[in-house]
Amino acid sequence: MCKGLASLPTCCLERAKELKARLGSILQKSNWTPSCCRIGKRKPTLEECLRWKESFEKLLSSKYGLCAFTAFLISEFSEENIAFYFACEDYRRTKISNQLPAKAQKIYNEFIGSEAPREVNIDHETRDITKANMDDPSPSCFDQAQYKIYMLMAKDCYPRFLRSPAYRDLVCQAKPSTKATKLPQQKKMV
């Protein structure tokens, strides 16, 4: 360790380690990447952006909305929430039951465990229940933790996203839909 770092208080070093871990998880290639981030130059229409304000579900069901929300979470260093939510969705859809233990352990190690690099913010009771569920992983073993994270995003992150400059910029730059209703052509009278 260089002399400059050695003179810092322990709390500063711990915070630096935490930031390094978070940045590492952003830069690291993850199995979960929203497909919408690869949509190229397509921009959402004004109507699509305004639909995101109707509900959190509408935001998540829009490919571009999900990508914009994920980018917002990354900017706030809380992208682990959406990554955990979709890891649980993928886990729940696992059809081959002998794959459940390995997938469950991977999710637990990445998001729930005490040394998890992308630890999500859940209460101790939910963490303990999830840990107990790991003894016999079932498709529903992360349900309570996933619900807590979903509600955290819906009640906290989603409203902040809607108030953010990023969302306002998207709305301002979005163009109305080009789907104009065509009138039936009239036949020429001879």
N, C-alpha and C. Protein backbone atom coordinates (compact mmCIF):
# COMPACT_ATOMS: atom_id res chain seq x y z
N MET A 1 0.86 -1.17 0.00
CA MET A 1 0.00 0.00 0.00
C MET A 1 0.90 1.23 0.00
N CYS A 2 0.52 2.24 -0.77
CA CYS A 2 1.35 3.44 -0.81
C CYS A 2 1.19 4.23 0.49
N LYS A 3 2.15 5.08 0.78
CA LYS A 3 2.15 5.83 2.04
C LYS A 3 0.93 6.73 2.16
N GLY A 4 0.45 7.27 1.06
CA GLY A 4 -0.71 8.15 1.09
C GLY A 4 -1.95 7.42 1.59
N LEU A 5 -2.17 6.19 1.15
CA LEU A 5 -3.33 5.42 1.59
C LEU A 5 -3.18 4.95 3.02
N ALA A 6 -1.96 4.65 3.43
CA ALA A 6 -1.73 4.16 4.79
C ALA A 6 -2.10 5.20 5.84
N SER A 7 -2.04 6.45 5.46
CA SER A 7 -2.34 7.50 6.43
C SER A 7 -3.84 7.81 6.53
N LEU A 8 -4.64 7.24 5.65
CA LEU A 8 -6.09 7.48 5.69
C LEU A 8 -6.75 6.69 6.81
N PRO A 9 -7.83 7.20 7.37
CA PRO A 9 -8.56 6.45 8.40
C PRO A 9 -9.16 5.18 7.80
N THR A 10 -9.38 4.19 8.63
CA THR A 10 -9.91 2.90 8.19
C THR A 10 -11.25 3.06 7.48
N CYS A 11 -12.11 3.95 7.97
CA CYS A 11 -13.42 4.12 7.35
C CYS A 11 -13.30 4.57 5.89
N CYS A 12 -12.31 5.40 5.59
CA CYS A 12 -12.09 5.84 4.21
C CYS A 12 -11.63 4.68 3.33
N LEU A 13 -10.75 3.86 3.87
CA LEU A 13 -10.27 2.70 3.12
C LEU A 13 -11.40 1.72 2.84
N GLU A 14 -12.26 1.52 3.84
CA GLU A 14 -13.41 0.62 3.65
C GLU A 14 -14.34 1.16 2.57
N ARG A 15 -14.59 2.45 2.57
CA ARG A 15 -15.45 3.08 1.56
C ARG A 15 -14.81 2.94 0.18
N ALA A 16 -13.50 3.11 0.10
CA ALA A 16 -12.80 2.96 -1.18
C ALA A 16 -12.93 1.52 -1.70
N LYS A 17 -12.82 0.54 -0.81
CA LYS A 17 -12.98 -0.86 -1.21
C LYS A 17 -14.40 -1.11 -1.72
N GLU A 18 -15.37 -0.51 -1.04
CA GLU A 18 -16.76 -0.67 -1.45
C GLU A 18 -16.98 -0.08 -2.85
N LEU A 19 -16.46 1.11 -3.08
CA LEU A 19 -16.60 1.75 -4.39
C LEU A 19 -15.89 0.94 -5.47
N LYS A 20 -14.72 0.40 -5.14
CA LYS A 20 -13.98 -0.41 -6.09
C LYS A 20 -14.79 -1.65 -6.48
N ALA A 21 -15.42 -2.28 -5.48
CA ALA A 21 -16.24 -3.47 -5.75
C ALA A 21 -17.43 -3.10 -6.63
N ARG A 22 -18.08 -1.98 -6.35
CA ARG A 22 -19.23 -1.56 -7.15
C ARG A 22 -18.82 -1.24 -8.58
N LEU A 23 -17.74 -0.50 -8.74
CA LEU A 23 -17.27 -0.18 -10.09
C LEU A 23 -16.84 -1.43 -10.83
N GLY A 24 -16.23 -2.34 -10.11
CA GLY A 24 -15.83 -3.61 -10.72
C GLY A 24 -17.03 -4.37 -11.24
N SER A 25 -18.13 -4.35 -10.49
CA SER A 25 -19.32 -5.08 -10.93
C SER A 25 -19.95 -4.41 -12.14
N ILE A 26 -19.80 -3.09 -12.28
CA ILE A 26 -20.33 -2.41 -13.45
C ILE A 26 -19.48 -2.76 -14.67
N LEU A 27 -18.17 -2.75 -14.50
CA LEU A 27 -17.28 -3.00 -15.62
C LEU A 27 -17.20 -4.47 -16.01
N GLN A 28 -17.51 -5.32 -15.04
CA GLN A 28 -17.44 -6.76 -15.26
C GLN A 28 -18.54 -7.20 -16.21
N LYS A 29 -18.24 -8.12 -17.09
CA LYS A 29 -19.26 -8.66 -17.97
C LYS A 29 -20.18 -9.51 -17.12
N SER A 30 -21.44 -9.18 -17.15
CA SER A 30 -22.43 -9.90 -16.36
C SER A 30 -23.26 -10.80 -17.25
N ASN A 31 -23.79 -11.88 -16.68
CA ASN A 31 -24.70 -12.74 -17.42
C ASN A 31 -25.98 -12.00 -17.74
N TRP A 32 -26.36 -11.05 -16.88
CA TRP A 32 -27.58 -10.31 -17.08
C TRP A 32 -27.26 -8.99 -17.73
N THR A 33 -27.69 -8.83 -18.97
CA THR A 33 -27.57 -7.57 -19.67
C THR A 33 -28.89 -7.32 -20.34
N PRO A 34 -29.54 -6.22 -20.06
CA PRO A 34 -30.82 -6.00 -20.71
C PRO A 34 -30.66 -5.96 -22.22
N SER A 35 -31.47 -6.73 -22.91
CA SER A 35 -31.37 -6.81 -24.36
C SER A 35 -31.62 -5.44 -24.99
N CYS A 36 -32.36 -4.59 -24.31
CA CYS A 36 -32.67 -3.27 -24.86
C CYS A 36 -31.44 -2.41 -25.00
N CYS A 37 -30.37 -2.71 -24.28
CA CYS A 37 -29.18 -1.89 -24.38
C CYS A 37 -28.48 -2.11 -25.71
N ARG A 38 -28.95 -3.08 -26.48
CA ARG A 38 -28.37 -3.36 -27.78
C ARG A 38 -29.33 -2.97 -28.90
N ILE A 39 -30.23 -2.04 -28.65
CA ILE A 39 -31.23 -1.71 -29.66
C ILE A 39 -30.74 -0.68 -30.67
N GLY A 40 -29.55 -0.22 -30.51
CA GLY A 40 -28.96 0.66 -31.49
C GLY A 40 -29.45 2.09 -31.38
N LYS A 41 -29.76 2.69 -32.52
CA LYS A 41 -30.08 4.11 -32.53
C LYS A 41 -31.57 4.38 -32.34
N ARG A 42 -32.37 3.39 -32.18
CA ARG A 42 -33.81 3.59 -32.00
C ARG A 42 -34.05 4.37 -30.72
N LYS A 43 -34.88 5.36 -30.83
CA LYS A 43 -35.24 6.19 -29.67
C LYS A 43 -36.72 5.93 -29.36
N PRO A 44 -37.09 6.04 -28.10
CA PRO A 44 -38.51 5.85 -27.79
C PRO A 44 -39.35 7.02 -28.29
N THR A 45 -40.58 6.73 -28.60
CA THR A 45 -41.48 7.81 -29.00
C THR A 45 -41.91 8.57 -27.75
N LEU A 46 -42.47 9.74 -27.97
CA LEU A 46 -42.96 10.54 -26.86
C LEU A 46 -44.05 9.77 -26.11
N GLU A 47 -44.93 9.10 -26.85
CA GLU A 47 -46.01 8.33 -26.23
C GLU A 47 -45.45 7.22 -25.34
N GLU A 48 -44.40 6.56 -25.81
CA GLU A 48 -43.78 5.49 -25.02
C GLU A 48 -43.18 6.04 -23.73
N CYS A 49 -42.46 7.16 -23.83
CA CYS A 49 -41.87 7.78 -22.63
C CYS A 49 -42.95 8.18 -21.63
N LEU A 50 -44.04 8.73 -22.11
CA LEU A 50 -45.12 9.16 -21.23
C LEU A 50 -45.85 7.97 -20.61
N ARG A 51 -45.90 6.84 -21.31
CA ARG A 51 -46.51 5.62 -20.75
C ARG A 51 -45.74 5.13 -19.53
N TRP A 52 -44.43 5.38 -19.49
CA TRP A 52 -43.62 4.93 -18.35
C TRP A 52 -44.08 5.59 -17.06
N LYS A 53 -44.67 6.77 -17.15
CA LYS A 53 -45.16 7.47 -15.96
C LYS A 53 -46.42 6.82 -15.39
N GLU A 54 -47.12 6.03 -16.20
CA GLU A 54 -48.37 5.43 -15.77
C GLU A 54 -48.16 4.40 -14.66
N SER A 55 -47.10 3.60 -14.79
CA SER A 55 -46.83 2.59 -13.76
C SER A 55 -45.41 2.05 -13.91
N PHE A 56 -44.92 1.51 -12.82
CA PHE A 56 -43.60 0.89 -12.81
C PHE A 56 -43.60 -0.33 -13.75
N GLU A 57 -44.70 -1.07 -13.77
CA GLU A 57 -44.81 -2.24 -14.64
C GLU A 57 -44.66 -1.85 -16.11
N LYS A 58 -45.27 -0.72 -16.49
CA LYS A 58 -45.17 -0.28 -17.89
C LYS A 58 -43.74 0.12 -18.22
N LEU A 59 -43.04 0.70 -17.27
CA LEU A 59 -41.64 1.04 -17.49
C LEU A 59 -40.83 -0.23 -17.72
N LEU A 60 -41.01 -1.24 -16.86
CA LEU A 60 -40.23 -2.48 -16.97
C LEU A 60 -40.60 -3.29 -18.21
N SER A 61 -41.84 -3.15 -18.69
CA SER A 61 -42.26 -3.94 -19.85
C SER A 61 -41.80 -3.31 -21.17
N SER A 62 -41.30 -2.09 -21.12
CA SER A 62 -40.78 -1.43 -22.31
C SER A 62 -39.28 -1.70 -22.40
N LYS A 63 -38.83 -2.19 -23.54
CA LYS A 63 -37.40 -2.48 -23.69
C LYS A 63 -36.56 -1.23 -23.47
N TYR A 64 -36.96 -0.13 -24.09
CA TYR A 64 -36.18 1.08 -23.94
C TYR A 64 -36.34 1.66 -22.53
N GLY A 65 -37.53 1.51 -21.97
CA GLY A 65 -37.77 1.97 -20.60
C GLY A 65 -36.88 1.24 -19.61
N LEU A 66 -36.80 -0.07 -19.77
CA LEU A 66 -35.94 -0.88 -18.90
C LEU A 66 -34.49 -0.46 -19.04
N CYS A 67 -34.07 -0.20 -20.25
CA CYS A 67 -32.68 0.22 -20.47
C CYS A 67 -32.42 1.58 -19.85
N ALA A 68 -33.35 2.52 -20.01
CA ALA A 68 -33.19 3.86 -19.44
C ALA A 68 -33.18 3.78 -17.91
N PHE A 69 -34.06 2.96 -17.35
CA PHE A 69 -34.13 2.81 -15.89
C PHE A 69 -32.85 2.16 -15.36
N THR A 70 -32.35 1.17 -16.08
CA THR A 70 -31.11 0.50 -15.68
C THR A 70 -29.94 1.49 -15.71
N ALA A 71 -29.88 2.31 -16.75
CA ALA A 71 -28.81 3.32 -16.83
C ALA A 71 -28.92 4.29 -15.66
N PHE A 72 -30.15 4.65 -15.29
CA PHE A 72 -30.36 5.53 -14.14
C PHE A 72 -29.85 4.85 -12.86
N LEU A 73 -30.18 3.57 -12.67
CA LEU A 73 -29.72 2.85 -11.47
C LEU A 73 -28.20 2.76 -11.44
N ILE A 74 -27.59 2.55 -12.59
CA ILE A 74 -26.12 2.50 -12.66
C ILE A 74 -25.55 3.85 -12.22
N SER A 75 -26.17 4.92 -12.66
CA SER A 75 -25.67 6.26 -12.29
C SER A 75 -25.80 6.51 -10.79
N GLU A 76 -26.71 5.80 -10.14
CA GLU A 76 -26.89 5.94 -8.69
C GLU A 76 -26.19 4.83 -7.90
N PHE A 77 -25.42 4.01 -8.58
CA PHE A 77 -24.72 2.88 -7.96
C PHE A 77 -25.70 1.91 -7.28
N SER A 78 -26.83 1.67 -7.91
CA SER A 78 -27.78 0.71 -7.35
C SER A 78 -28.33 -0.24 -8.41
N GLU A 79 -27.54 -0.51 -9.42
CA GLU A 79 -27.97 -1.41 -10.49
C GLU A 79 -28.15 -2.84 -10.03
N GLU A 80 -27.61 -3.17 -8.84
CA GLU A 80 -27.76 -4.53 -8.33
C GLU A 80 -29.23 -4.86 -8.10
N ASN A 81 -30.07 -3.87 -7.86
CA ASN A 81 -31.48 -4.13 -7.62
C ASN A 81 -32.17 -4.71 -8.85
N ILE A 82 -32.00 -4.08 -9.99
CA ILE A 82 -32.65 -4.57 -11.20
C ILE A 82 -32.00 -5.88 -11.66
N ALA A 83 -30.69 -6.00 -11.47
CA ALA A 83 -30.01 -7.24 -11.84
C ALA A 83 -30.52 -8.41 -10.98
N PHE A 84 -30.68 -8.18 -9.68
CA PHE A 84 -31.21 -9.20 -8.78
C PHE A 84 -32.64 -9.57 -9.17
N TYR A 85 -33.47 -8.57 -9.44
CA TYR A 85 -34.86 -8.83 -9.81
C TYR A 85 -34.93 -9.75 -11.02
N PHE A 86 -34.16 -9.46 -12.06
CA PHE A 86 -34.22 -10.28 -13.27
C PHE A 86 -33.49 -11.62 -13.11
N ALA A 87 -32.49 -11.68 -12.24
CA ALA A 87 -31.87 -12.97 -11.94
C ALA A 87 -32.89 -13.89 -11.29
N CYS A 88 -33.72 -13.34 -10.40
CA CYS A 88 -34.79 -14.12 -9.75
C CYS A 88 -35.84 -14.55 -10.77
N GLU A 89 -36.18 -13.66 -11.70
CA GLU A 89 -37.15 -14.01 -12.74
C GLU A 89 -36.62 -15.18 -13.58
N ASP A 90 -35.36 -15.10 -13.96
CA ASP A 90 -34.74 -16.18 -14.74
C ASP A 90 -34.70 -17.47 -13.93
N TYR A 91 -34.35 -17.36 -12.65
CA TYR A 91 -34.28 -18.52 -11.77
C TYR A 91 -35.65 -19.20 -11.66
N ARG A 92 -36.70 -18.41 -11.48
CA ARG A 92 -38.05 -18.94 -11.32
C ARG A 92 -38.50 -19.70 -12.57
N ARG A 93 -38.00 -19.30 -13.73
CA ARG A 93 -38.38 -19.96 -14.99
C ARG A 93 -37.54 -21.20 -15.30
N THR A 94 -36.61 -21.54 -14.42
CA THR A 94 -35.76 -22.71 -14.64
C THR A 94 -36.62 -23.96 -14.64
N LYS A 95 -36.57 -24.70 -15.74
CA LYS A 95 -37.42 -25.89 -15.91
C LYS A 95 -36.77 -27.16 -15.36
N ILE A 96 -35.46 -27.22 -15.40
CA ILE A 96 -34.75 -28.43 -14.97
C ILE A 96 -34.42 -28.29 -13.49
N SER A 97 -35.10 -29.07 -12.66
CA SER A 97 -34.99 -28.90 -11.21
C SER A 97 -33.60 -29.18 -10.66
N ASN A 98 -32.81 -30.02 -11.33
CA ASN A 98 -31.46 -30.28 -10.80
C ASN A 98 -30.51 -29.10 -11.04
N GLN A 99 -30.95 -28.10 -11.81
CA GLN A 99 -30.15 -26.88 -12.01
C GLN A 99 -30.43 -25.84 -10.92
N LEU A 100 -31.52 -26.02 -10.18
CA LEU A 100 -31.91 -25.02 -9.17
C LEU A 100 -30.85 -24.78 -8.10
N PRO A 101 -30.28 -25.82 -7.49
CA PRO A 101 -29.30 -25.54 -6.42
C PRO A 101 -28.11 -24.69 -6.86
N ALA A 102 -27.54 -24.98 -8.01
CA ALA A 102 -26.37 -24.22 -8.48
C ALA A 102 -26.76 -22.78 -8.82
N LYS A 103 -27.90 -22.60 -9.49
CA LYS A 103 -28.35 -21.25 -9.83
C LYS A 103 -28.70 -20.47 -8.56
N ALA A 104 -29.34 -21.13 -7.61
CA ALA A 104 -29.71 -20.47 -6.36
C ALA A 104 -28.46 -20.03 -5.61
N GLN A 105 -27.46 -20.88 -5.55
CA GLN A 105 -26.22 -20.54 -4.85
C GLN A 105 -25.52 -19.37 -5.51
N LYS A 106 -25.55 -19.34 -6.85
CA LYS A 106 -24.91 -18.25 -7.57
C LYS A 106 -25.61 -16.92 -7.25
N ILE A 107 -26.94 -16.91 -7.26
CA ILE A 107 -27.70 -15.70 -6.94
C ILE A 107 -27.43 -15.28 -5.50
N TYR A 108 -27.46 -16.25 -4.60
CA TYR A 108 -27.23 -15.96 -3.19
C TYR A 108 -25.84 -15.35 -2.99
N ASN A 109 -24.83 -15.96 -3.59
CA ASN A 109 -23.45 -15.47 -3.44
C ASN A 109 -23.26 -14.08 -4.04
N GLU A 110 -23.96 -13.79 -5.12
CA GLU A 110 -23.78 -12.51 -5.79
C GLU A 110 -24.58 -11.37 -5.15
N PHE A 111 -25.77 -11.69 -4.60
CA PHE A 111 -26.66 -10.62 -4.15
C PHE A 111 -27.07 -10.65 -2.67
N ILE A 112 -27.03 -11.79 -2.02
CA ILE A 112 -27.60 -11.90 -0.67
C ILE A 112 -26.54 -12.10 0.41
N GLY A 113 -25.55 -12.93 0.16
CA GLY A 113 -24.56 -13.28 1.16
C GLY A 113 -23.84 -12.08 1.75
N SER A 114 -23.24 -12.28 2.91
CA SER A 114 -22.58 -11.17 3.63
C SER A 114 -21.39 -10.61 2.85
N GLU A 115 -20.77 -11.40 2.02
CA GLU A 115 -19.63 -10.93 1.22
C GLU A 115 -20.02 -10.75 -0.25
N ALA A 116 -21.31 -10.63 -0.52
CA ALA A 116 -21.80 -10.52 -1.90
C ALA A 116 -21.26 -9.25 -2.56
N PRO A 117 -20.69 -9.38 -3.77
CA PRO A 117 -20.15 -8.20 -4.44
C PRO A 117 -21.22 -7.21 -4.88
N ARG A 118 -22.46 -7.68 -5.06
CA ARG A 118 -23.56 -6.81 -5.49
C ARG A 118 -24.72 -6.94 -4.50
N GLU A 119 -24.40 -6.85 -3.24
CA GLU A 119 -25.38 -7.08 -2.17
C GLU A 119 -26.56 -6.13 -2.27
N VAL A 120 -27.78 -6.72 -2.24
CA VAL A 120 -28.99 -5.91 -2.27
C VAL A 120 -29.39 -5.53 -0.85
N ASN A 121 -30.15 -4.46 -0.75
CA ASN A 121 -30.53 -3.91 0.54
C ASN A 121 -31.85 -4.53 1.02
N ILE A 122 -31.75 -5.61 1.78
CA ILE A 122 -32.94 -6.24 2.36
C ILE A 122 -32.74 -6.35 3.87
N ASP A 123 -33.85 -6.43 4.59
CA ASP A 123 -33.78 -6.51 6.05
C ASP A 123 -33.24 -7.88 6.49
N HIS A 124 -32.83 -7.96 7.74
CA HIS A 124 -32.23 -9.20 8.28
C HIS A 124 -33.20 -10.37 8.26
N GLU A 125 -34.46 -10.09 8.55
CA GLU A 125 -35.46 -11.17 8.56
C GLU A 125 -35.59 -11.81 7.18
N THR A 126 -35.68 -10.97 6.14
CA THR A 126 -35.78 -11.48 4.76
C THR A 126 -34.50 -12.22 4.38
N ARG A 127 -33.36 -11.68 4.79
CA ARG A 127 -32.08 -12.32 4.50
C ARG A 127 -32.02 -13.71 5.16
N ASP A 128 -32.47 -13.80 6.41
CA ASP A 128 -32.46 -15.08 7.14
C ASP A 128 -33.42 -16.10 6.50
N ILE A 129 -34.58 -15.63 6.09
CA ILE A 129 -35.55 -16.52 5.43
C ILE A 129 -34.96 -17.04 4.12
N THR A 130 -34.35 -16.15 3.36
CA THR A 130 -33.74 -16.54 2.09
C THR A 130 -32.61 -17.53 2.32
N LYS A 131 -31.80 -17.28 3.35
CA LYS A 131 -30.71 -18.21 3.67
C LYS A 131 -31.27 -19.58 4.04
N ALA A 132 -32.34 -19.62 4.82
CA ALA A 132 -32.97 -20.90 5.19
C ALA A 132 -33.54 -21.60 3.95
N ASN A 133 -34.07 -20.83 3.01
CA ASN A 133 -34.61 -21.41 1.77
C ASN A 133 -33.52 -22.08 0.93
N MET A 134 -32.28 -21.68 1.15
CA MET A 134 -31.17 -22.26 0.38
C MET A 134 -30.92 -23.71 0.75
N ASP A 135 -31.43 -24.17 1.91
CA ASP A 135 -31.26 -25.57 2.29
C ASP A 135 -31.96 -26.51 1.32
N ASP A 136 -33.07 -26.06 0.76
CA ASP A 136 -33.82 -26.86 -0.21
C ASP A 136 -34.36 -25.91 -1.28
N PRO A 137 -33.50 -25.50 -2.23
CA PRO A 137 -33.90 -24.49 -3.21
C PRO A 137 -35.12 -24.93 -4.04
N SER A 138 -36.09 -24.05 -4.10
CA SER A 138 -37.26 -24.26 -4.94
C SER A 138 -37.41 -23.04 -5.83
N PRO A 139 -38.27 -23.09 -6.84
CA PRO A 139 -38.43 -21.91 -7.70
C PRO A 139 -38.86 -20.66 -6.95
N SER A 140 -39.41 -20.81 -5.75
CA SER A 140 -39.90 -19.66 -5.00
C SER A 140 -38.97 -19.23 -3.85
N CYS A 141 -37.77 -19.78 -3.77
CA CYS A 141 -36.92 -19.50 -2.61
C CYS A 141 -36.47 -18.04 -2.50
N PHE A 142 -36.52 -17.27 -3.59
CA PHE A 142 -36.12 -15.86 -3.54
C PHE A 142 -37.31 -14.92 -3.57
N ASP A 143 -38.53 -15.46 -3.53
CA ASP A 143 -39.73 -14.64 -3.70
C ASP A 143 -39.81 -13.47 -2.73
N GLN A 144 -39.57 -13.69 -1.47
CA GLN A 144 -39.70 -12.61 -0.49
C GLN A 144 -38.64 -11.53 -0.72
N ALA A 145 -37.41 -11.94 -0.95
CA ALA A 145 -36.34 -10.98 -1.20
C ALA A 145 -36.60 -10.22 -2.51
N GLN A 146 -37.06 -10.92 -3.53
CA GLN A 146 -37.34 -10.27 -4.81
C GLN A 146 -38.48 -9.25 -4.64
N TYR A 147 -39.50 -9.62 -3.88
CA TYR A 147 -40.61 -8.70 -3.64
C TYR A 147 -40.12 -7.43 -2.92
N LYS A 148 -39.26 -7.60 -1.92
CA LYS A 148 -38.73 -6.45 -1.19
C LYS A 148 -37.96 -5.51 -2.12
N ILE A 149 -37.16 -6.08 -3.01
CA ILE A 149 -36.38 -5.27 -3.94
C ILE A 149 -37.29 -4.61 -4.98
N TYR A 150 -38.29 -5.35 -5.44
CA TYR A 150 -39.25 -4.78 -6.38
C TYR A 150 -39.93 -3.55 -5.75
N MET A 151 -40.39 -3.71 -4.50
CA MET A 151 -41.07 -2.61 -3.82
C MET A 151 -40.12 -1.44 -3.57
N LEU A 152 -38.87 -1.73 -3.25
CA LEU A 152 -37.87 -0.67 -3.08
C LEU A 152 -37.73 0.13 -4.38
N MET A 153 -37.63 -0.58 -5.49
CA MET A 153 -37.50 0.11 -6.78
C MET A 153 -38.78 0.88 -7.12
N ALA A 154 -39.93 0.26 -6.90
CA ALA A 154 -41.21 0.89 -7.25
C ALA A 154 -41.50 2.12 -6.41
N LYS A 155 -41.16 2.07 -5.12
CA LYS A 155 -41.50 3.16 -4.20
C LYS A 155 -40.40 4.22 -4.09
N ASP A 156 -39.16 3.85 -4.40
CA ASP A 156 -38.05 4.78 -4.21
C ASP A 156 -37.36 5.14 -5.53
N CYS A 157 -36.82 4.15 -6.21
CA CYS A 157 -36.01 4.40 -7.42
C CYS A 157 -36.87 4.91 -8.58
N TYR A 158 -38.03 4.30 -8.80
CA TYR A 158 -38.91 4.68 -9.91
C TYR A 158 -39.34 6.15 -9.81
N PRO A 159 -39.85 6.62 -8.66
CA PRO A 159 -40.21 8.05 -8.59
C PRO A 159 -39.01 8.97 -8.82
N ARG A 160 -37.84 8.59 -8.31
CA ARG A 160 -36.65 9.41 -8.54
C ARG A 160 -36.26 9.42 -10.01
N PHE A 161 -36.43 8.27 -10.68
CA PHE A 161 -36.16 8.19 -12.12
C PHE A 161 -37.07 9.16 -12.87
N LEU A 162 -38.36 9.17 -12.51
CA LEU A 162 -39.31 10.05 -13.21
C LEU A 162 -39.01 11.54 -12.98
N ARG A 163 -38.36 11.86 -11.86
CA ARG A 163 -37.99 13.25 -11.57
C ARG A 163 -36.59 13.59 -12.07
N SER A 164 -35.87 12.62 -12.59
CA SER A 164 -34.47 12.81 -12.96
C SER A 164 -34.32 13.61 -14.26
N PRO A 165 -33.19 14.31 -14.37
CA PRO A 165 -32.88 15.00 -15.63
C PRO A 165 -32.81 14.02 -16.81
N ALA A 166 -32.37 12.80 -16.56
CA ALA A 166 -32.26 11.81 -17.65
C ALA A 166 -33.63 11.53 -18.25
N TYR A 167 -34.63 11.32 -17.41
CA TYR A 167 -35.99 11.05 -17.91
C TYR A 167 -36.54 12.30 -18.60
N ARG A 168 -36.37 13.46 -17.98
CA ARG A 168 -36.87 14.69 -18.59
C ARG A 168 -36.24 14.92 -19.96
N ASP A 169 -34.93 14.63 -20.09
CA ASP A 169 -34.25 14.78 -21.37
C ASP A 169 -34.83 13.82 -22.42
N LEU A 170 -35.11 12.58 -22.00
CA LEU A 170 -35.70 11.63 -22.93
C LEU A 170 -37.04 12.13 -23.45
N VAL A 171 -37.87 12.64 -22.55
CA VAL A 171 -39.18 13.15 -22.94
C VAL A 171 -39.03 14.34 -23.88
N CYS A 172 -38.11 15.24 -23.56
CA CYS A 172 -37.91 16.44 -24.40
C CYS A 172 -37.39 16.09 -25.79
N GLN A 173 -36.54 15.08 -25.87
CA GLN A 173 -35.93 14.71 -27.14
C GLN A 173 -36.81 13.75 -27.96
N ALA A 174 -37.77 13.12 -27.30
CA ALA A 174 -38.62 12.15 -27.99
C ALA A 174 -39.54 12.86 -28.97
N LYS A 175 -39.80 12.17 -30.06
CA LYS A 175 -40.69 12.72 -31.08
C LYS A 175 -42.01 11.96 -31.02
N PRO A 176 -43.10 12.64 -31.33
CA PRO A 176 -44.38 11.92 -31.36
C PRO A 176 -44.34 10.78 -32.37
N SER A 177 -45.17 9.81 -32.15
CA SER A 177 -45.23 8.65 -33.04
C SER A 177 -45.54 9.11 -34.45
N THR A 178 -44.92 8.46 -35.43
CA THR A 178 -45.14 8.83 -36.84
C THR A 178 -46.30 8.05 -37.44
N LYS A 179 -46.95 7.26 -36.66
CA LYS A 179 -48.09 6.48 -37.18
C LYS A 179 -49.29 7.39 -37.35
N ALA A 180 -49.39 7.95 -38.51
CA ALA A 180 -50.53 8.82 -38.80
C ALA A 180 -51.65 7.98 -39.38
N THR A 181 -52.84 8.30 -39.02
CA THR A 181 -53.97 7.54 -39.56
C THR A 181 -54.19 7.97 -41.00
N LYS A 182 -54.21 7.00 -41.88
CA LYS A 182 -54.38 7.28 -43.29
C LYS A 182 -55.86 7.25 -43.62
N LEU A 183 -56.27 8.24 -44.39
CA LEU A 183 -57.65 8.26 -44.85
C LEU A 183 -57.76 7.39 -46.09
N PRO A 184 -58.86 6.68 -46.23
CA PRO A 184 -59.01 5.86 -47.43
C PRO A 184 -59.03 6.77 -48.66
N GLN A 185 -58.35 6.31 -49.69
CA GLN A 185 -58.30 7.11 -50.93
C GLN A 185 -59.64 7.01 -51.64
N GLN A 186 -60.04 8.14 -52.17
CA GLN A 186 -61.30 8.15 -52.92
C GLN A 186 -61.04 7.75 -54.35
N LYS A 187 -62.01 7.07 -54.92
CA LYS A 187 -61.90 6.68 -56.33
C LYS A 187 -62.21 7.87 -57.21
N LYS A 188 -61.48 7.93 -58.29
CA LYS A 188 -61.73 9.03 -59.25
C LYS A 188 -63.03 8.79 -59.97
N MET A 189 -63.77 9.83 -60.11
CA MET A 189 -65.03 9.76 -60.85
C MET A 189 -64.75 10.21 -62.28
N VAL A 190 -65.19 9.44 -63.22
CA VAL A 190 -64.97 9.80 -64.62
C VAL A 190 -66.22 10.40 -65.21
